[in-house]
Amino acid sequence: MMNWSGLFRKEFRVTRTFLFAVIAFDIVMMIGIFVASERWEVPYLTAIVGGVLAFMHMFFLPIYLLISLNSEGRKLHLWLHNPQSGSRLIGAKVLNGLLALLISLVVVSVLSLIAFNLETADIVLPIDNVWLLGAYVLAVILAGALTMGIWVTFYWTAYQVLKTYIGRWALLVVLVLIGLISWFGGWFSGTRAGEALMDWGYVQFPSPLSMEVTQEAFEISTSTVPFPIGNVIFDTILLVVIFFVTSWLLDRKVEV
């Protein structure tokens, strides 16, 4: 447990500059937009920009992991000589990245709510629908961020393996690999096998479908949409497999 906590703290130190820079950007951006919206009397502009910034956090984890991994790459022999397994080394980075993502996302959300409450327009906030919207957005951001983050880690590790054998051509091969895997994923999802594995277990899922903002009202309409549980299970299993393949490559195939 002590080794794990030490590894976790070390990962935070590696990328804390990026986290603080993102938080500073969030604060400056939100304050600047709020001042502008008050000056030019554009209602709810800060809350809307806050929503855009929140969705941009989907790219937070892959960028965070790429910065962290590249930092380790400059002293790869020290990182790989760590007695912890590859899965723990990567897991510490992913968990740290998710924690940093949530911290930054909380900052944006709090500033958006403050800006919303400071609006002078007389509106009624449909709190039930807003919480539904928040939960929906959070699930989408975390799922997208985690998916991209795991794949970024896999491609970075593949690059380190290939670099040992083909040198500078490794980057080109990884780019081709990204294209091929993306193409195959799109093609496979349209086949009968792909549909059998993913297109099942539909449930009616509550979803905020539209938002209407006027001078007098703020409304979020909700509905239910069919959602395939099979897709979630398939994607989850795939990410777990990619995670452990990456860990195995890091343990056995990456050379320093």
Foldseek 3Di string as FASTA:
>chain_A
DVLLVVLLVVLCVQQVVVLVVLLVVLVVVLVVQLVVCVVVVPPLRSLVVLLVVLLVLLQQQQVQLVSSVVVCVVVVVVLLPPPDFLLSNLVSSNVSSVVSSVVSNVSSVVSSVVSNVPDPFDEDDPVVVVVVAVVVSVVVSVVSSLLSNLVSLLLVLQLLLVCVPPNPCSVVVSVVVVVVVVVVVVVLCPDPVNCVQWVDDWDWAKDFDDWDDDSHYTDTDIDTDIDTPSNVVVSVVVSVVSSVVSSCSSNPRRDD
